[in-house]
Amino acid sequence: MARSLAAPAPRRVPRRRTRPGRARLALGLPRPLAGVGRIGRGAISFVWTRRRLRLALLAFLIALPLLGGGWLWLRHSSLVAVEHVQMRGLAAVHGADIGAIETALKSTARGMSTLDVHPAALRAAVASYPIVRSVRARASFPHGLRIEVVEQPPVAALVIGGARTAVAADGVVLGPGLLSSSLPVVNAGKAYAAEAAATTASTSSTTTLPIIGQGVRGSQLLGALAALGTVPAPLARDVTRTYSGPKGLTVVLRNGLLVYFGDGTRPHAKWLSLARVLADSSSAGAAYIDVRLPERPAAGFAPGTIPPGASSTETEPLSSSDPETAIKLAAGVNATVGG
C-alpha cells in the first residue's frame, strides 16, 4: 500500500488582537505619552459633546488674541505713560553733569510707560558718565516713575606723568572734572607704573592718563584706592596722600603723621584700629601708627621724643564689622591730630 510523502500543511496561528494603546507601544510610543493621548482625546470628546462647554471654549479661543492685543496696546498707550519722574541719589555729581544726567534720564523715562519700564535703556542713557554705577527704577501707577542713581564717587586724585584725574574706589577713572582739593593724592610712581606696564601690552598707559570710564591697573594702586574708599567720614578730611614705602601702603595725614597699612586688605579693621589709637591721648605726638596688624596697632615716636605715657600704645582686639564704632571713636580725631 503506497504512502504519501507530501508534507503536512502548516497550521495557521490566529493573530491576537491588540488594544490600540498596545499597538502604539509596539510602534515605539512610550506608555506615559499613550496615556496622555487618551486623556486628551477624552477631554476633547467630553467638551465637544456638551454645547455650553463647546461655546465657552470657542469664545475663549476667539477672545485670547484680542486680550493679548489689548494688553500690548495698553502697555504703550497714553493711559499709563510716564509723566512724573522723581530723581534720587545724585549727591556727588557737581556742575553741568548733574543737569545733563537728570535730563538724559528724564527724557528716556518719558518714552516709557509704567507697565513697560526698561532699566537697561536708562543705564544706556547715562553710560557716558562713569560716576553713575547703576540705575534703579520703580514705577508708580499710572504715570509716576522713581529713578535712583547709584554713584561711584571719587576717592582720590590720581597723578600720572604730572596730569591729574579723579578715580573711584574700584579704580574707574572719572576724569579731571570731578577733582577737588579735599581728595587725597595718589601718585602713580615707579612701583605703580612698573606693575601697570607688566599687565599691559604697551607702556604708554604709564605716562598718560587712562581713558575716562576705564579702570587703572596694578594691585598696589588698586589696594590704595580700595583703602581710601572705606575711610570713615571724620578721618577722610585728614587724609592727604598715599604712597608705597618700606612698610607697604602708607597713608599720610594732614599733620604729617604716617599710617602704615601694609597692603589694601582688611581696610575697615585698619581704619577702626587707627581711630582707636588716635582717640587715645597716649598717642599724641606720634610720628607713625602701624596698623598692619589691626588687632595690635602701635604708635611710634621719633628719636628724642618723650611719649605722654609709654613708648608705644597697644589696644585690645578690635572688630572690623562695626563702622558705627569707628565713626564714634574718630570724633576726637581733629583734636588729636591738630586740626
C-alpha atoms as a PDB file:
ATOM      1  CA  MET A   1       0.000   0.000   0.000  1.00  0.00           C
ATOM      2  CA  ALA A   2       1.541   3.272  -1.114  1.00  0.00           C
ATOM      3  CA  ARG A   3       2.203   6.037   1.428  1.00  0.00           C
ATOM      4  CA  SER A   4       2.002   9.742   0.644  1.00  0.00           C
ATOM      5  CA  LEU A   5       5.261  11.586   1.206  1.00  0.00           C
ATOM      6  CA  ALA A   6       3.776  15.068   0.959  1.00  0.00           C
ATOM      7  CA  ALA A   7       4.472  17.354   3.951  1.00  0.00           C
ATOM      8  CA  PRO A   8       1.521  18.234   6.116  1.00  0.00           C
ATOM      9  CA  ALA A   9       0.045  21.687   5.552  1.00  0.00           C
ATOM     10  CA  PRO A  10       1.202  24.283   8.137  1.00  0.00           C
ATOM     11  CA  ARG A  11      -1.259  25.269  10.777  1.00  0.00           C
ATOM     12  CA  ARG A  12      -2.378  28.866  10.836  1.00  0.00           C
ATOM     13  CA  VAL A  13      -1.878  30.532  14.149  1.00  0.00           C
ATOM     14  CA  PRO A  14      -4.672  33.003  14.844  1.00  0.00           C
ATOM     15  CA  ARG A  15      -3.449  36.614  15.343  1.00  0.00           C
ATOM     16  CA  ARG A  16      -4.062  38.049  18.744  1.00  0.00           C
ATOM     17  CA  ARG A  17      -5.973  41.218  18.861  1.00  0.00           C
ATOM     18  CA  THR A  18      -4.199  44.094  20.470  1.00  0.00           C
ATOM     19  CA  ARG A  19      -5.689  47.143  22.006  1.00  0.00           C
ATOM     20  CA  PRO A  20      -4.953  50.494  20.390  1.00  0.00           C
ATOM     21  CA  GLY A  21      -2.705  51.505  23.240  1.00  0.00           C
ATOM     22  CA  ARG A  22      -0.637  48.304  22.883  1.00  0.00           C
ATOM     23  CA  ALA A  23      -0.296  48.816  19.135  1.00  0.00           C
ATOM     24  CA  ARG A  24       1.205  52.255  19.765  1.00  0.00           C
ATOM     25  CA  LEU A  25       3.604  50.766  22.224  1.00  0.00           C
ATOM     26  CA  ALA A  26       4.716  48.360  19.545  1.00  0.00           C
ATOM     27  CA  LEU A  27       5.431  51.308  17.274  1.00  0.00           C
ATOM     28  CA  GLY A  28       7.708  52.793  19.902  1.00  0.00           C
ATOM     29  CA  LEU A  29       5.414  55.330  21.616  1.00  0.00           C
ATOM     30  CA  PRO A  30       6.156  55.435  25.341  1.00  0.00           C
ATOM     31  CA  ARG A  31       3.408  54.284  27.654  1.00  0.00           C
ATOM     32  CA  PRO A  32       3.037  57.668  29.501  1.00  0.00           C
ATOM     33  CA  LEU A  33       2.520  59.501  26.203  1.00  0.00           C
ATOM     34  CA  ALA A  34      -0.060  56.997  25.139  1.00  0.00           C
ATOM     35  CA  GLY A  35      -1.941  57.602  28.375  1.00  0.00           C
ATOM     36  CA  VAL A  36      -1.772  61.359  27.914  1.00  0.00           C
ATOM     37  CA  GLY A  37      -3.109  61.000  24.404  1.00  0.00           C
ATOM     38  CA  ARG A  38      -6.098  59.003  25.610  1.00  0.00           C
ATOM     39  CA  ILE A  39      -6.809  61.562  28.349  1.00  0.00           C
ATOM     40  CA  GLY A  40      -6.578  64.436  25.838  1.00  0.00           C
ATOM     41  CA  ARG A  41      -8.959  62.759  23.375  1.00  0.00           C
ATOM     42  CA  GLY A  42     -11.328  62.013  26.213  1.00  0.00           C
ATOM     43  CA  ALA A  43     -11.302  65.631  27.399  1.00  0.00           C
ATOM     44  CA  ILE A  44     -11.949  66.973  23.886  1.00  0.00           C
ATOM     45  CA  SER A  45     -14.722  64.484  23.390  1.00  0.00           C
ATOM     46  CA  PHE A  46     -16.279  65.430  26.744  1.00  0.00           C
ATOM     47  CA  VAL A  47     -16.230  69.157  25.909  1.00  0.00           C
ATOM     48  CA  TRP A  48     -17.368  68.793  22.319  1.00  0.00           C
ATOM     49  CA  THR A  49     -20.432  66.728  23.213  1.00  0.00           C
ATOM     50  CA  ARG A  50     -21.698  69.447  25.563  1.00  0.00           C
ATOM     51  CA  ARG A  51     -22.996  72.533  23.855  1.00  0.00           C
ATOM     52  CA  ARG A  52     -22.310  75.093  26.590  1.00  0.00           C
ATOM     53  CA  LEU A  53     -18.770  73.969  27.160  1.00  0.00           C
ATOM     54  CA  ARG A  54     -18.162  73.939  23.424  1.00  0.00           C
ATOM     55  CA  LEU A  55     -19.402  77.519  23.093  1.00  0.00           C
ATOM     56  CA  ALA A  56     -17.303  78.636  26.066  1.00  0.00           C
ATOM     57  CA  LEU A  57     -14.194  77.057  24.576  1.00  0.00           C
ATOM     58  CA  LEU A  58     -14.760  78.714  21.224  1.00  0.00           C
ATOM     59  CA  ALA A  59     -15.363  82.084  22.895  1.00  0.00           C
ATOM     60  CA  PHE A  60     -12.141  81.743  24.874  1.00  0.00           C
ATOM     61  CA  LEU A  61     -10.130  80.876  21.783  1.00  0.00           C
ATOM     62  CA  ILE A  62     -11.554  83.896  19.952  1.00  0.00           C
ATOM     63  CA  ALA A  63     -11.011  86.279  22.894  1.00  0.00           C
ATOM     64  CA  LEU A  64      -7.441  85.164  23.634  1.00  0.00           C
ATOM     65  CA  PRO A  65      -5.723  87.062  20.777  1.00  0.00           C
ATOM     66  CA  LEU A  66      -7.971  90.054  21.433  1.00  0.00           C
ATOM     67  CA  LEU A  67      -6.922  90.139  25.077  1.00  0.00           C
ATOM     68  CA  GLY A  68      -3.269  89.809  24.133  1.00  0.00           C
ATOM     69  CA  GLY A  69      -3.523  92.635  21.639  1.00  0.00           C
ATOM     70  CA  GLY A  70      -5.380  94.784  24.157  1.00  0.00           C
ATOM     71  CA  TRP A  71      -2.656  94.233  26.750  1.00  0.00           C
ATOM     72  CA  LEU A  72       0.052  95.212  24.266  1.00  0.00           C
ATOM     73  CA  TRP A  73      -1.911  98.335  23.341  1.00  0.00           C
ATOM     74  CA  LEU A  74      -2.409  99.273  26.996  1.00  0.00           C
ATOM     75  CA  ARG A  75       1.296  98.890  27.823  1.00  0.00           C
ATOM     76  CA  HIS A  76       2.198 101.529  25.238  1.00  0.00           C
ATOM     77  CA  SER A  77      -0.836 103.784  25.496  1.00  0.00           C
ATOM     78  CA  SER A  78      -1.062 107.266  26.975  1.00  0.00           C
ATOM     79  CA  LEU A  79      -3.209 105.873  29.797  1.00  0.00           C
ATOM     80  CA  VAL A  80      -0.080 104.602  31.554  1.00  0.00           C
ATOM     81  CA  ALA A  81       2.587 106.844  30.001  1.00  0.00           C
ATOM     82  CA  VAL A  82       5.326 108.128  32.313  1.00  0.00           C
ATOM     83  CA  GLU A  83       4.694 111.797  33.051  1.00  0.00           C
ATOM     84  CA  HIS A  84       6.184 112.411  36.511  1.00  0.00           C
ATOM     85  CA  VAL A  85       9.820 111.433  37.159  1.00  0.00           C
ATOM     86  CA  GLN A  86      11.443 111.641  40.601  1.00  0.00           C
ATOM     87  CA  MET A  87      15.244 111.521  40.894  1.00  0.00           C
ATOM     88  CA  ARG A  88      17.259 110.309  43.878  1.00  0.00           C
ATOM     89  CA  GLY A  89      20.928 109.600  44.557  1.00  0.00           C
ATOM     90  CA  LEU A  90      22.734 112.415  42.749  1.00  0.00           C
ATOM     91  CA  ALA A  91      24.856 113.589  45.665  1.00  0.00           C
ATOM     92  CA  ALA A  92      28.470 113.532  44.470  1.00  0.00           C
ATOM     93  CA  VAL A  93      27.823 114.990  40.995  1.00  0.00           C
ATOM     94  CA  HIS A  94      28.528 118.692  40.602  1.00  0.00           C
ATOM     95  CA  GLY A  95      28.462 121.289  37.863  1.00  0.00           C
ATOM     96  CA  ALA A  96      26.910 120.726  34.467  1.00  0.00           C
ATOM     97  CA  ASP A  97      26.987 116.926  34.758  1.00  0.00           C
ATOM     98  CA  ILE A  98      24.143 116.781  37.257  1.00  0.00           C
ATOM     99  CA  GLY A  99      21.801 118.618  34.890  1.00  0.00           C
ATOM    100  CA  ALA A 100      22.909 116.520  31.930  1.00  0.00           C
ATOM    101  CA  ILE A 101      22.359 113.259  33.840  1.00  0.00           C
ATOM    102  CA  GLU A 102      18.897 114.317  35.000  1.00  0.00           C
ATOM    103  CA  THR A 103      17.912 115.446  31.507  1.00  0.00           C
ATOM    104  CA  ALA A 104      19.105 112.190  29.917  1.00  0.00           C
ATOM    105  CA  LEU A 105      17.255 110.019  32.428  1.00  0.00           C
ATOM    106  CA  LYS A 106      14.022 112.022  32.337  1.00  0.00           C
ATOM    107  CA  SER A 107      13.861 112.187  28.544  1.00  0.00           C
ATOM    108  CA  THR A 108      14.429 108.432  28.300  1.00  0.00           C
ATOM    109  CA  ALA A 109      11.883 107.690  31.043  1.00  0.00           C
ATOM    110  CA  ARG A 110       9.149 109.746  29.342  1.00  0.00           C
ATOM    111  CA  GLY A 111       9.346 107.433  26.364  1.00  0.00           C
ATOM    112  CA  MET A 112       8.251 104.508  28.575  1.00  0.00           C
ATOM    113  CA  SER A 113       5.093 103.519  30.408  1.00  0.00           C
ATOM    114  CA  THR A 114       4.574 102.381  33.967  1.00  0.00           C
ATOM    115  CA  LEU A 115       3.738  98.927  32.604  1.00  0.00           C
ATOM    116  CA  ASP A 116       6.855  98.748  30.424  1.00  0.00           C
ATOM    117  CA  VAL A 117       9.928 100.094  32.232  1.00  0.00           C
ATOM    118  CA  HIS A 118      13.383  99.365  30.761  1.00  0.00           C
ATOM    119  CA  PRO A 119      16.204  99.881  33.310  1.00  0.00           C
ATOM    120  CA  ALA A 120      18.754  98.911  30.658  1.00  0.00           C
ATOM    121  CA  ALA A 121      17.654 101.854  28.496  1.00  0.00           C
ATOM    122  CA  LEU A 122      18.020 104.210  31.466  1.00  0.00           C
ATOM    123  CA  ARG A 123      21.518 102.909  32.161  1.00  0.00           C
ATOM    124  CA  ALA A 124      22.467 103.308  28.494  1.00  0.00           C
ATOM    125  CA  ALA A 125      21.279 106.923  28.577  1.00  0.00           C
ATOM    126  CA  VAL A 126      23.961 107.795  31.173  1.00  0.00           C
ATOM    127  CA  ALA A 127      26.655 105.362  30.031  1.00  0.00           C
ATOM    128  CA  SER A 128      28.929 108.295  29.157  1.00  0.00           C
ATOM    129  CA  TYR A 129      29.017 109.386  32.823  1.00  0.00           C
ATOM    130  CA  PRO A 130      31.299 106.941  34.680  1.00  0.00           C
ATOM    131  CA  ILE A 131      30.302 108.342  38.066  1.00  0.00           C
ATOM    132  CA  VAL A 132      26.953 106.544  37.630  1.00  0.00           C
ATOM    133  CA  ARG A 133      27.454 102.969  38.777  1.00  0.00           C
ATOM    134  CA  SER A 134      23.895 101.742  38.241  1.00  0.00           C
ATOM    135  CA  VAL A 135      20.324 102.963  37.817  1.00  0.00           C
ATOM    136  CA  ARG A 136      17.226 101.550  39.510  1.00  0.00           C
ATOM    137  CA  ALA A 137      13.656 102.373  38.517  1.00  0.00           C
ATOM    138  CA  ARG A 138      10.309 101.732  40.201  1.00  0.00           C
ATOM    139  CA  ALA A 139       7.004 102.531  38.513  1.00  0.00           C
ATOM    140  CA  SER A 140       4.156 104.236  40.350  1.00  0.00           C
ATOM    141  CA  PHE A 141       0.901 103.535  38.502  1.00  0.00           C
ATOM    142  CA  PRO A 142      -0.444 105.186  36.450  1.00  0.00           C
ATOM    143  CA  HIS A 143       2.028 107.959  35.481  1.00  0.00           C
ATOM    144  CA  GLY A 144       4.880 108.043  38.040  1.00  0.00           C
ATOM    145  CA  LEU A 145       8.436 106.710  37.875  1.00  0.00           C
ATOM    146  CA  ARG A 146      11.077 106.867  40.621  1.00  0.00           C
ATOM    147  CA  ILE A 147      14.688 106.677  39.463  1.00  0.00           C
ATOM    148  CA  GLU A 148      17.508 106.031  41.927  1.00  0.00           C
ATOM    149  CA  VAL A 149      21.052 106.698  40.747  1.00  0.00           C
ATOM    150  CA  VAL A 150      23.780 104.690  42.483  1.00  0.00           C
ATOM    151  CA  GLU A 151      27.033 106.622  42.239  1.00  0.00           C
ATOM    152  CA  GLN A 152      30.666 105.670  42.483  1.00  0.00           C
ATOM    153  CA  PRO A 153      32.089 108.924  43.895  1.00  0.00           C
ATOM    154  CA  PRO A 154      35.740 109.916  43.579  1.00  0.00           C
ATOM    155  CA  VAL A 155      38.006 108.861  46.435  1.00  0.00           C
ATOM    156  CA  ALA A 156      41.380 110.140  45.244  1.00  0.00           C
ATOM    157  CA  ALA A 157      43.206 112.375  42.783  1.00  0.00           C
ATOM    158  CA  LEU A 158      45.414 110.086  40.700  1.00  0.00           C
ATOM    159  CA  VAL A 159      48.636 111.680  39.415  1.00  0.00           C
ATOM    160  CA  ILE A 160      50.248 110.125  36.341  1.00  0.00           C
ATOM    161  CA  GLY A 161      53.003 111.914  34.456  1.00  0.00           C
ATOM    162  CA  GLY A 162      52.115 115.244  36.043  1.00  0.00           C
ATOM    163  CA  ALA A 163      48.438 115.027  34.997  1.00  0.00           C
ATOM    164  CA  ARG A 164      45.593 114.523  37.462  1.00  0.00           C
ATOM    165  CA  THR A 165      42.273 112.768  37.290  1.00  0.00           C
ATOM    166  CA  ALA A 166      39.638 111.720  39.807  1.00  0.00           C
ATOM    167  CA  VAL A 167      39.269 107.972  40.389  1.00  0.00           C
ATOM    168  CA  ALA A 168      36.704 105.827  42.170  1.00  0.00           C
ATOM    169  CA  ALA A 169      37.394 103.209  44.821  1.00  0.00           C
ATOM    170  CA  ASP A 170      37.295 100.388  42.259  1.00  0.00           C
ATOM    171  CA  GLY A 171      39.834 102.136  40.020  1.00  0.00           C
ATOM    172  CA  VAL A 172      37.418 103.564  37.433  1.00  0.00           C
ATOM    173  CA  VAL A 173      38.740 106.827  36.012  1.00  0.00           C
ATOM    174  CA  LEU A 174      36.170 109.605  36.481  1.00  0.00           C
ATOM    175  CA  GLY A 175      38.004 112.441  34.740  1.00  0.00           C
ATOM    176  CA  PRO A 176      39.523 115.743  35.911  1.00  0.00           C
ATOM    177  CA  GLY A 177      36.097 117.393  36.100  1.00  0.00           C
ATOM    178  CA  LEU A 178      35.428 115.722  39.472  1.00  0.00           C
ATOM    179  CA  LEU A 179      38.689 116.788  41.123  1.00  0.00           C
ATOM    180  CA  SER A 180      38.515 118.736  44.373  1.00  0.00           C
ATOM    181  CA  SER A 181      41.005 119.983  46.932  1.00  0.00           C
ATOM    182  CA  SER A 182      39.660 117.582  49.555  1.00  0.00           C
ATOM    183  CA  LEU A 183      40.655 114.454  47.622  1.00  0.00           C
ATOM    184  CA  PRO A 184      43.833 112.698  48.794  1.00  0.00           C
ATOM    185  CA  VAL A 185      46.591 112.390  46.218  1.00  0.00           C
ATOM    186  CA  VAL A 186      47.729 109.006  44.918  1.00  0.00           C
ATOM    187  CA  ASN A 187      50.902 109.321  42.885  1.00  0.00           C
ATOM    188  CA  ALA A 188      51.387 106.557  40.334  1.00  0.00           C
ATOM    189  CA  GLY A 189      55.128 106.415  40.847  1.00  0.00           C
ATOM    190  CA  LYS A 190      57.691 103.971  39.536  1.00  0.00           C
ATOM    191  CA  ALA A 191      56.350 100.998  41.507  1.00  0.00           C
ATOM    192  CA  TYR A 192      52.809 101.611  40.286  1.00  0.00           C
ATOM    193  CA  ALA A 193      53.995 102.307  36.741  1.00  0.00           C
ATOM    194  CA  ALA A 194      56.113  99.154  36.563  1.00  0.00           C
ATOM    195  CA  GLU A 195      53.261  96.966  37.800  1.00  0.00           C
ATOM    196  CA  ALA A 196      50.795  98.569  35.389  1.00  0.00           C
ATOM    197  CA  ALA A 197      53.196  98.147  32.471  1.00  0.00           C
ATOM    198  CA  ALA A 198      53.625  94.458  33.285  1.00  0.00           C
ATOM    199  CA  THR A 199      49.876  93.892  32.850  1.00  0.00           C
ATOM    200  CA  THR A 200      49.518  95.793  29.558  1.00  0.00           C
ATOM    201  CA  ALA A 201      50.895  95.265  26.085  1.00  0.00           C
ATOM    202  CA  SER A 202      52.040  98.871  25.862  1.00  0.00           C
ATOM    203  CA  THR A 203      53.883 101.134  28.312  1.00  0.00           C
ATOM    204  CA  SER A 204      52.067 104.264  27.120  1.00  0.00           C
ATOM    205  CA  SER A 205      49.482 103.903  29.872  1.00  0.00           C
ATOM    206  CA  THR A 206      52.199 104.549  32.483  1.00  0.00           C
ATOM    207  CA  THR A 207      52.851 108.102  31.255  1.00  0.00           C
ATOM    208  CA  THR A 208      49.395 109.243  30.152  1.00  0.00           C
ATOM    209  CA  LEU A 209      46.041 109.341  31.885  1.00  0.00           C
ATOM    210  CA  PRO A 210      43.745 106.381  31.247  1.00  0.00           C
ATOM    211  CA  ILE A 211      40.587 106.987  29.250  1.00  0.00           C
ATOM    212  CA  ILE A 212      37.631 108.183  31.296  1.00  0.00           C
ATOM    213  CA  GLY A 213      35.442 105.233  32.210  1.00  0.00           C
ATOM    214  CA  GLN A 214      38.255 102.696  32.075  1.00  0.00           C
ATOM    215  CA  GLY A 215      39.953 101.139  35.096  1.00  0.00           C
ATOM    216  CA  VAL A 216      43.512 101.588  36.264  1.00  0.00           C
ATOM    217  CA  ARG A 217      45.823  98.606  36.664  1.00  0.00           C
ATOM    218  CA  GLY A 218      48.197  97.384  39.342  1.00  0.00           C
ATOM    219  CA  SER A 219      47.408  95.627  42.602  1.00  0.00           C
ATOM    220  CA  GLN A 220      49.239  98.246  44.710  1.00  0.00           C
ATOM    221  CA  LEU A 221      47.335 101.113  43.130  1.00  0.00           C
ATOM    222  CA  LEU A 222      44.001  99.315  43.399  1.00  0.00           C
ATOM    223  CA  GLY A 223      44.743  98.423  47.026  1.00  0.00           C
ATOM    224  CA  ALA A 224      45.387 102.072  47.862  1.00  0.00           C
ATOM    225  CA  LEU A 225      42.146 103.176  46.183  1.00  0.00           C
ATOM    226  CA  ALA A 226      40.159 100.454  47.940  1.00  0.00           C
ATOM    227  CA  ALA A 227      41.548 101.579  51.306  1.00  0.00           C
ATOM    228  CA  LEU A 228      40.653 105.211  50.576  1.00  0.00           C
ATOM    229  CA  GLY A 229      37.159 104.144  49.588  1.00  0.00           C
ATOM    230  CA  THR A 230      36.470 102.797  53.088  1.00  0.00           C
ATOM    231  CA  VAL A 231      37.871 105.648  55.186  1.00  0.00           C
ATOM    232  CA  PRO A 232      35.327 106.898  57.797  1.00  0.00           C
ATOM    233  CA  ALA A 233      33.998 110.390  57.146  1.00  0.00           C
ATOM    234  CA  PRO A 234      35.652 112.012  60.221  1.00  0.00           C
ATOM    235  CA  LEU A 235      39.032 110.705  59.070  1.00  0.00           C
ATOM    236  CA  ALA A 236      38.586 111.429  55.350  1.00  0.00           C
ATOM    237  CA  ARG A 237      39.294 115.166  55.656  1.00  0.00           C
ATOM    238  CA  ASP A 238      42.643 114.471  57.371  1.00  0.00           C
ATOM    239  CA  VAL A 239      43.999 112.088  54.712  1.00  0.00           C
ATOM    240  CA  THR A 240      46.220 113.978  52.269  1.00  0.00           C
ATOM    241  CA  ARG A 241      48.020 111.334  50.209  1.00  0.00           C
ATOM    242  CA  THR A 242      49.208 107.736  49.981  1.00  0.00           C
ATOM    243  CA  TYR A 243      52.358 106.138  48.643  1.00  0.00           C
ATOM    244  CA  SER A 244      54.159 102.802  48.589  1.00  0.00           C
ATOM    245  CA  GLY A 245      57.057 102.780  51.069  1.00  0.00           C
ATOM    246  CA  PRO A 246      59.221 100.308  53.001  1.00  0.00           C
ATOM    247  CA  LYS A 247      56.198  99.421  55.175  1.00  0.00           C
ATOM    248  CA  GLY A 248      53.946  98.916  52.146  1.00  0.00           C
ATOM    249  CA  LEU A 249      50.919 101.142  51.657  1.00  0.00           C
ATOM    250  CA  THR A 250      51.476 104.311  53.697  1.00  0.00           C
ATOM    251  CA  VAL A 251      48.784 106.921  54.357  1.00  0.00           C
ATOM    252  CA  VAL A 252      49.838 110.470  55.221  1.00  0.00           C
ATOM    253  CA  LEU A 253      47.562 112.562  57.460  1.00  0.00           C
ATOM    254  CA  ARG A 254      47.304 116.328  57.397  1.00  0.00           C
ATOM    255  CA  ASN A 255      49.741 116.953  60.257  1.00  0.00           C
ATOM    256  CA  GLY A 256      52.378 114.657  58.700  1.00  0.00           C
ATOM    257  CA  LEU A 257      51.509 111.567  60.737  1.00  0.00           C
ATOM    258  CA  LEU A 258      52.298 108.368  58.814  1.00  0.00           C
ATOM    259  CA  VAL A 259      49.954 105.376  58.942  1.00  0.00           C
ATOM    260  CA  TYR A 260      51.401 102.034  57.851  1.00  0.00           C
ATOM    261  CA  PHE A 261      48.694  99.926  56.188  1.00  0.00           C
ATOM    262  CA  GLY A 262      50.990  97.313  54.658  1.00  0.00           C
ATOM    263  CA  ASP A 263      48.500  96.393  51.919  1.00  0.00           C
ATOM    264  CA  GLY A 264      44.892  97.004  50.985  1.00  0.00           C
ATOM    265  CA  THR A 265      43.448  94.001  52.806  1.00  0.00           C
ATOM    266  CA  ARG A 266      41.037  94.413  55.746  1.00  0.00           C
ATOM    267  CA  PRO A 267      40.718  98.197  55.311  1.00  0.00           C
ATOM    268  CA  HIS A 268      37.715  98.534  57.653  1.00  0.00           C
ATOM    269  CA  ALA A 269      39.610  96.906  60.509  1.00  0.00           C
ATOM    270  CA  LYS A 270      42.680  99.082  59.905  1.00  0.00           C
ATOM    271  CA  TRP A 271      40.750 102.365  59.846  1.00  0.00           C
ATOM    272  CA  LEU A 272      38.952 101.360  63.030  1.00  0.00           C
ATOM    273  CA  SER A 273      42.256 100.467  64.646  1.00  0.00           C
ATOM    274  CA  LEU A 274      43.689 103.848  63.605  1.00  0.00           C
ATOM    275  CA  ALA A 275      40.699 105.659  65.109  1.00  0.00           C
ATOM    276  CA  ARG A 276      41.192 103.822  68.389  1.00  0.00           C
ATOM    277  CA  VAL A 277      44.839 104.849  68.587  1.00  0.00           C
ATOM    278  CA  LEU A 278      44.193 108.469  67.617  1.00  0.00           C
ATOM    279  CA  ALA A 279      41.448 108.738  70.215  1.00  0.00           C
ATOM    280  CA  ASP A 280      43.921 107.613  72.895  1.00  0.00           C
ATOM    281  CA  SER A 281      45.737 110.573  74.442  1.00  0.00           C
ATOM    282  CA  SER A 282      48.879 108.498  74.901  1.00  0.00           C
ATOM    283  CA  SER A 283      49.426 108.567  71.107  1.00  0.00           C
ATOM    284  CA  ALA A 284      49.712 112.367  70.929  1.00  0.00           C
ATOM    285  CA  GLY A 285      52.906 113.443  69.185  1.00  0.00           C
ATOM    286  CA  ALA A 286      53.469 110.081  67.497  1.00  0.00           C
ATOM    287  CA  ALA A 287      55.467 110.030  64.255  1.00  0.00           C
ATOM    288  CA  TYR A 288      53.723 106.976  62.860  1.00  0.00           C
ATOM    289  CA  ILE A 289      50.966 104.496  63.642  1.00  0.00           C
ATOM    290  CA  ASP A 290      51.335 100.914  62.473  1.00  0.00           C
ATOM    291  CA  VAL A 291      48.012  99.169  61.763  1.00  0.00           C
ATOM    292  CA  ARG A 292      49.338  96.402  59.522  1.00  0.00           C
ATOM    293  CA  LEU A 293      48.086  94.036  62.214  1.00  0.00           C
ATOM    294  CA  PRO A 294      44.867  95.829  63.196  1.00  0.00           C
ATOM    295  CA  GLU A 295      44.361  93.709  66.303  1.00  0.00           C
ATOM    296  CA  ARG A 296      47.637  95.037  67.743  1.00  0.00           C
ATOM    297  CA  PRO A 297      48.240  98.595  66.483  1.00  0.00           C
ATOM    298  CA  ALA A 298      51.307 100.530  67.630  1.00  0.00           C
ATOM    299  CA  ALA A 299      52.168 104.230  67.813  1.00  0.00           C
ATOM    300  CA  GLY A 300      55.828 105.038  67.230  1.00  0.00           C
ATOM    301  CA  PHE A 301      57.675 108.225  68.224  1.00  0.00           C
ATOM    302  CA  ALA A 302      60.639 109.980  66.701  1.00  0.00           C
ATOM    303  CA  PRO A 303      64.024 109.628  68.463  1.00  0.00           C
ATOM    304  CA  GLY A 304      64.307 112.025  71.381  1.00  0.00           C
ATOM    305  CA  THR A 305      60.524 112.431  71.674  1.00  0.00           C
ATOM    306  CA  ILE A 306      59.089 111.566  75.060  1.00  0.00           C
ATOM    307  CA  PRO A 307      55.673 109.935  74.687  1.00  0.00           C
ATOM    308  CA  PRO A 308      52.935 111.071  77.077  1.00  0.00           C
ATOM    309  CA  GLY A 309      52.598 107.638  78.696  1.00  0.00           C
ATOM    310  CA  ALA A 310      54.635 104.902  77.055  1.00  0.00           C
ATOM    311  CA  SER A 311      56.807 104.387  74.014  1.00  0.00           C
ATOM    312  CA  SER A 312      54.017 102.539  72.222  1.00  0.00           C
ATOM    313  CA  THR A 313      50.312 102.126  72.525  1.00  0.00           C
ATOM    314  CA  GLU A 314      48.571  98.820  72.057  1.00  0.00           C
ATOM    315  CA  THR A 315      44.888  98.150  72.361  1.00  0.00           C
ATOM    316  CA  GLU A 316      42.753  95.094  72.752  1.00  0.00           C
ATOM    317  CA  PRO A 317      41.497  93.138  69.705  1.00  0.00           C
ATOM    318  CA  LEU A 318      39.072  95.137  67.557  1.00  0.00           C
ATOM    319  CA  SER A 319      36.051  94.343  65.457  1.00  0.00           C
ATOM    320  CA  SER A 320      36.240  95.095  61.724  1.00  0.00           C
ATOM    321  CA  SER A 321      32.477  94.836  61.219  1.00  0.00           C
ATOM    322  CA  ASP A 322      31.359  97.819  63.303  1.00  0.00           C
ATOM    323  CA  PRO A 323      31.654 101.011  61.204  1.00  0.00           C
ATOM    324  CA  GLU A 324      29.471 102.981  63.650  1.00  0.00           C
ATOM    325  CA  THR A 325      32.061 102.390  66.356  1.00  0.00           C
ATOM    326  CA  ALA A 326      34.784 103.686  64.050  1.00  0.00           C
ATOM    327  CA  ILE A 327      32.876 106.900  63.416  1.00  0.00           C
ATOM    328  CA  LYS A 328      32.220 107.472  67.119  1.00  0.00           C
ATOM    329  CA  LEU A 329      35.818 106.803  68.081  1.00  0.00           C
ATOM    330  CA  ALA A 330      37.074 109.040  65.277  1.00  0.00           C
ATOM    331  CA  ALA A 331      35.043 112.001  66.560  1.00  0.00           C
ATOM    332  CA  GLY A 332      38.095 113.177  68.509  1.00  0.00           C
ATOM    333  CA  VAL A 333      40.473 112.874  65.560  1.00  0.00           C
ATOM    334  CA  ASN A 334      40.574 116.629  64.871  1.00  0.00           C
ATOM    335  CA  ALA A 335      41.753 117.413  68.408  1.00  0.00           C
ATOM    336  CA  THR A 336      44.294 114.580  68.371  1.00  0.00           C
ATOM    337  CA  VAL A 337      45.919 115.402  65.026  1.00  0.00           C
ATOM    338  CA  GLY A 338      45.773 119.154  65.474  1.00  0.00           C
ATOM    339  CA  GLY A 339      43.010 120.222  63.127  1.00  0.00           C
END
